[in-house]
Amino acid sequence: MAQLTRPTNGRWIAGVCAGLARRFNMPPMLVRLLFILSCLLPGPQVLIYLVLWVMMPSE
């Protein structure tokens, strides 16, 4: 499995979804779509995204 990092290429906002997709061997668009759909549900999704943005190292 790949290391959990934010890639420098192929990222849109911060690279969190692209990094998670690379880590779990999934297409980045699928992870982005799942994140957007999860934002329709109540919960701390945006806060988790911001925390991952700060915690995940860049390549």
C-alpha atoms as a PDB file:
ATOM      1  CA  MET A   1       0.000   0.000   0.000  1.00  0.00           C
ATOM      2  CA  ALA A   2       1.135   3.511  -0.743  1.00  0.00           C
ATOM      3  CA  GLN A   3       2.007   5.955   1.988  1.00  0.00           C
ATOM      4  CA  LEU A   4      -0.654   8.471   3.031  1.00  0.00           C
ATOM      5  CA  THR A   5       0.583  11.732   1.491  1.00  0.00           C
ATOM      6  CA  ARG A   6      -0.956  14.558  -0.499  1.00  0.00           C
ATOM      7  CA  PRO A   7       0.331  14.328  -4.088  1.00  0.00           C
ATOM      8  CA  THR A   8       1.719  17.405  -5.813  1.00  0.00           C
ATOM      9  CA  ASN A   9       0.187  16.411  -9.173  1.00  0.00           C
ATOM     10  CA  GLY A  10      -3.489  15.675  -9.739  1.00  0.00           C
ATOM     11  CA  ARG A  11      -4.872  17.449  -6.725  1.00  0.00           C
ATOM     12  CA  TRP A  12      -7.759  19.876  -6.868  1.00  0.00           C
ATOM     13  CA  ILE A  13      -8.017  21.786  -3.603  1.00  0.00           C
ATOM     14  CA  ALA A  14      -5.561  20.326  -1.120  1.00  0.00           C
ATOM     15  CA  GLY A  15      -4.938  16.828  -2.432  1.00  0.00           C
ATOM     16  CA  VAL A  16      -6.617  15.038   0.466  1.00  0.00           C
ATOM     17  CA  CYS A  17      -8.988  13.024  -1.728  1.00  0.00           C
ATOM     18  CA  ALA A  18      -6.206  12.205  -4.196  1.00  0.00           C
ATOM     19  CA  GLY A  19      -3.982  11.055  -1.336  1.00  0.00           C
ATOM     20  CA  LEU A  20      -6.711   8.878   0.142  1.00  0.00           C
ATOM     21  CA  ALA A  21      -7.447   7.426  -3.307  1.00  0.00           C
ATOM     22  CA  ARG A  22      -3.791   6.568  -3.832  1.00  0.00           C
ATOM     23  CA  ARG A  23      -3.531   5.018  -0.357  1.00  0.00           C
ATOM     24  CA  PHE A  24      -6.560   2.754  -0.849  1.00  0.00           C
ATOM     25  CA  ASN A  25      -5.951   2.130  -4.579  1.00  0.00           C
ATOM     26  CA  MET A  26      -9.163   3.786  -5.759  1.00  0.00           C
ATOM     27  CA  PRO A  27      -9.863   6.280  -8.556  1.00  0.00           C
ATOM     28  CA  PRO A  28      -9.534   9.867  -7.258  1.00  0.00           C
ATOM     29  CA  MET A  29     -12.833  10.913  -8.863  1.00  0.00           C
ATOM     30  CA  LEU A  30     -14.661   8.217  -6.896  1.00  0.00           C
ATOM     31  CA  VAL A  31     -13.205   9.454  -3.611  1.00  0.00           C
ATOM     32  CA  ARG A  32     -14.085  13.057  -4.508  1.00  0.00           C
ATOM     33  CA  LEU A  33     -17.632  12.028  -5.422  1.00  0.00           C
ATOM     34  CA  LEU A  34     -18.030  10.095  -2.166  1.00  0.00           C
ATOM     35  CA  PHE A  35     -16.783  13.105  -0.210  1.00  0.00           C
ATOM     36  CA  ILE A  36     -19.213  15.463  -1.956  1.00  0.00           C
ATOM     37  CA  LEU A  37     -22.105  13.058  -1.379  1.00  0.00           C
ATOM     38  CA  SER A  38     -21.122  12.654   2.270  1.00  0.00           C
ATOM     39  CA  CYS A  39     -21.317  16.438   2.696  1.00  0.00           C
ATOM     40  CA  LEU A  40     -25.057  16.168   2.049  1.00  0.00           C
ATOM     41  CA  LEU A  41     -25.365  14.175   5.272  1.00  0.00           C
ATOM     42  CA  PRO A  42     -25.072  15.779   8.695  1.00  0.00           C
ATOM     43  CA  GLY A  43     -21.684  15.375  10.304  1.00  0.00           C
ATOM     44  CA  PRO A  44     -18.177  16.773  10.588  1.00  0.00           C
ATOM     45  CA  GLN A  45     -16.990  15.898   7.061  1.00  0.00           C
ATOM     46  CA  VAL A  46     -15.566  19.341   6.274  1.00  0.00           C
ATOM     47  CA  LEU A  47     -13.816  19.475   9.643  1.00  0.00           C
ATOM     48  CA  ILE A  48     -12.268  16.036   9.006  1.00  0.00           C
ATOM     49  CA  TYR A  49     -11.122  17.221   5.569  1.00  0.00           C
ATOM     50  CA  LEU A  50      -9.455  20.278   7.113  1.00  0.00           C
ATOM     51  CA  VAL A  51      -7.740  18.156   9.766  1.00  0.00           C
ATOM     52  CA  LEU A  52      -6.449  15.752   7.119  1.00  0.00           C
ATOM     53  CA  TRP A  53      -5.217  18.730   5.077  1.00  0.00           C
ATOM     54  CA  VAL A  54      -3.112  19.874   8.028  1.00  0.00           C
ATOM     55  CA  MET A  55      -1.991  16.396   9.156  1.00  0.00           C
ATOM     56  CA  MET A  56      -1.145  14.740   5.806  1.00  0.00           C
ATOM     57  CA  PRO A  57       2.351  15.581   4.569  1.00  0.00           C
ATOM     58  CA  SER A  58       2.813  16.763   1.014  1.00  0.00           C
ATOM     59  CA  GLU A  59       4.987  14.712  -1.324  1.00  0.00           C
END
